[in-house]
Amino acid sequence: MRTHILDAIDEHAGPDGTVPLKLVVDLAQERYATHPLFPKGRVRNYCTFTKVDLEARCEVERVPRSAPQRIMRWRPEIA
């Protein structure tokens, strides 16, 4: 799921480097719906939990005050 999220950002990000979280989740649902690790075909929570984990590891970041939620690869603050 980590690879999926990072690949989705790289492949579908707009000019500002962000992608709607809904698109990432929808792509995961489409990609993994029949995967044996997800017997009921529902991957939304797994994708969301992995996204939160990637935020904690500073691999992706949430765009502040965006609705719907958008994410991007983490960029360290330049001092």
C-alpha atoms as a PDB file:
ATOM      1  CA  MET A   1       0.000   0.000   0.000  1.00  0.00           C
ATOM      2  CA  ARG A   2       2.948   2.320   0.723  1.00  0.00           C
ATOM      3  CA  THR A   3       4.250   1.870  -2.811  1.00  0.00           C
ATOM      4  CA  HIS A   4       0.776   2.408  -4.246  1.00  0.00           C
ATOM      5  CA  ILE A   5       0.330   5.729  -2.417  1.00  0.00           C
ATOM      6  CA  LEU A   6       3.752   7.051  -3.403  1.00  0.00           C
ATOM      7  CA  ASP A   7       3.309   5.916  -7.012  1.00  0.00           C
ATOM      8  CA  ALA A   8      -0.154   7.488  -7.184  1.00  0.00           C
ATOM      9  CA  ILE A   9       1.275  10.810  -6.012  1.00  0.00           C
ATOM     10  CA  ASP A  10       4.080  10.624  -8.575  1.00  0.00           C
ATOM     11  CA  GLU A  11       1.786   9.644 -11.447  1.00  0.00           C
ATOM     12  CA  HIS A  12      -1.285  11.782 -10.760  1.00  0.00           C
ATOM     13  CA  ALA A  13      -0.011  14.913  -9.025  1.00  0.00           C
ATOM     14  CA  GLY A  14      -0.947  18.223 -10.531  1.00  0.00           C
ATOM     15  CA  PRO A  15       1.482  21.046 -11.256  1.00  0.00           C
ATOM     16  CA  ASP A  16       1.560  21.902  -7.553  1.00  0.00           C
ATOM     17  CA  GLY A  17       2.665  18.344  -6.672  1.00  0.00           C
ATOM     18  CA  THR A  18      -0.570  17.447  -4.897  1.00  0.00           C
ATOM     19  CA  VAL A  19      -3.194  14.803  -5.530  1.00  0.00           C
ATOM     20  CA  PRO A  20      -6.664  14.399  -3.970  1.00  0.00           C
ATOM     21  CA  LEU A  21      -6.691  11.690  -1.298  1.00  0.00           C
ATOM     22  CA  LYS A  22      -9.985  10.434  -2.739  1.00  0.00           C
ATOM     23  CA  LEU A  23      -8.254   9.666  -6.044  1.00  0.00           C
ATOM     24  CA  VAL A  24      -5.496   7.713  -4.266  1.00  0.00           C
ATOM     25  CA  VAL A  25      -8.094   5.718  -2.307  1.00  0.00           C
ATOM     26  CA  ASP A  26     -10.227   5.080  -5.409  1.00  0.00           C
ATOM     27  CA  LEU A  27      -7.178   3.838  -7.319  1.00  0.00           C
ATOM     28  CA  ALA A  28      -6.278   1.530  -4.409  1.00  0.00           C
ATOM     29  CA  GLN A  29      -9.823   0.157  -4.303  1.00  0.00           C
ATOM     30  CA  GLU A  30      -9.716  -0.501  -8.031  1.00  0.00           C
ATOM     31  CA  ARG A  31      -6.251  -2.058  -7.919  1.00  0.00           C
ATOM     32  CA  TYR A  32      -6.669  -4.272  -4.842  1.00  0.00           C
ATOM     33  CA  ALA A  33     -10.394  -5.133  -4.880  1.00  0.00           C
ATOM     34  CA  THR A  34      -9.697  -8.755  -5.828  1.00  0.00           C
ATOM     35  CA  HIS A  35      -6.376  -9.152  -4.023  1.00  0.00           C
ATOM     36  CA  PRO A  36      -6.303 -12.108  -1.571  1.00  0.00           C
ATOM     37  CA  LEU A  37      -5.080  -9.859   1.269  1.00  0.00           C
ATOM     38  CA  PHE A  38      -8.404  -8.010   1.101  1.00  0.00           C
ATOM     39  CA  PRO A  39     -10.982 -10.829   1.006  1.00  0.00           C
ATOM     40  CA  LYS A  40     -13.971  -8.511   1.268  1.00  0.00           C
ATOM     41  CA  GLY A  41     -12.571  -6.181  -1.366  1.00  0.00           C
ATOM     42  CA  ARG A  42     -12.559  -3.119   0.855  1.00  0.00           C
ATOM     43  CA  VAL A  43      -9.242  -1.318   1.092  1.00  0.00           C
ATOM     44  CA  ARG A  44     -10.267   2.236   2.018  1.00  0.00           C
ATOM     45  CA  ASN A  45      -9.234   1.988   5.664  1.00  0.00           C
ATOM     46  CA  TYR A  46      -5.954   0.269   4.839  1.00  0.00           C
ATOM     47  CA  CYS A  47      -5.089   3.043   2.406  1.00  0.00           C
ATOM     48  CA  THR A  48      -6.038   5.775   4.878  1.00  0.00           C
ATOM     49  CA  PHE A  49      -4.127   4.170   7.763  1.00  0.00           C
ATOM     50  CA  THR A  50      -1.061   3.741   5.556  1.00  0.00           C
ATOM     51  CA  LYS A  51      -1.301   7.390   4.485  1.00  0.00           C
ATOM     52  CA  VAL A  52      -1.319   8.449   8.149  1.00  0.00           C
ATOM     53  CA  ASP A  53       1.705   6.242   8.796  1.00  0.00           C
ATOM     54  CA  LEU A  54       3.519   7.830   5.845  1.00  0.00           C
ATOM     55  CA  GLU A  55       2.749  11.261   7.300  1.00  0.00           C
ATOM     56  CA  ALA A  56       4.289  10.205  10.615  1.00  0.00           C
ATOM     57  CA  ARG A  57       7.390   8.972   8.777  1.00  0.00           C
ATOM     58  CA  CYS A  58       7.672  12.258   6.838  1.00  0.00           C
ATOM     59  CA  GLU A  59       7.209  10.597   3.456  1.00  0.00           C
ATOM     60  CA  VAL A  60       3.991  12.405   2.542  1.00  0.00           C
ATOM     61  CA  GLU A  61       2.258  15.466   3.884  1.00  0.00           C
ATOM     62  CA  ARG A  62      -1.260  16.743   3.951  1.00  0.00           C
ATOM     63  CA  VAL A  63      -1.955  20.062   2.260  1.00  0.00           C
ATOM     64  CA  PRO A  64      -3.200  22.378   5.006  1.00  0.00           C
ATOM     65  CA  ARG A  65      -6.732  23.721   4.746  1.00  0.00           C
ATOM     66  CA  SER A  66      -7.598  21.838   1.579  1.00  0.00           C
ATOM     67  CA  ALA A  67     -11.051  20.476   1.002  1.00  0.00           C
ATOM     68  CA  PRO A  68     -11.250  17.811  -0.225  1.00  0.00           C
ATOM     69  CA  GLN A  69      -8.051  16.599   1.397  1.00  0.00           C
ATOM     70  CA  ARG A  70      -4.959  16.636  -0.810  1.00  0.00           C
ATOM     71  CA  ILE A  71      -1.594  15.012  -0.200  1.00  0.00           C
ATOM     72  CA  MET A  72       1.895  15.373  -1.617  1.00  0.00           C
ATOM     73  CA  ARG A  73       5.376  13.998  -1.097  1.00  0.00           C
ATOM     74  CA  TRP A  74       6.977  15.458   2.002  1.00  0.00           C
ATOM     75  CA  ARG A  75       9.138  18.518   1.481  1.00  0.00           C
ATOM     76  CA  PRO A  76      11.404  19.591   4.316  1.00  0.00           C
ATOM     77  CA  GLU A  77      11.061  23.204   5.302  1.00  0.00           C
ATOM     78  CA  ILE A  78      13.845  25.334   3.920  1.00  0.00           C
ATOM     79  CA  ALA A  79      15.128  27.747   6.567  1.00  0.00           C
END
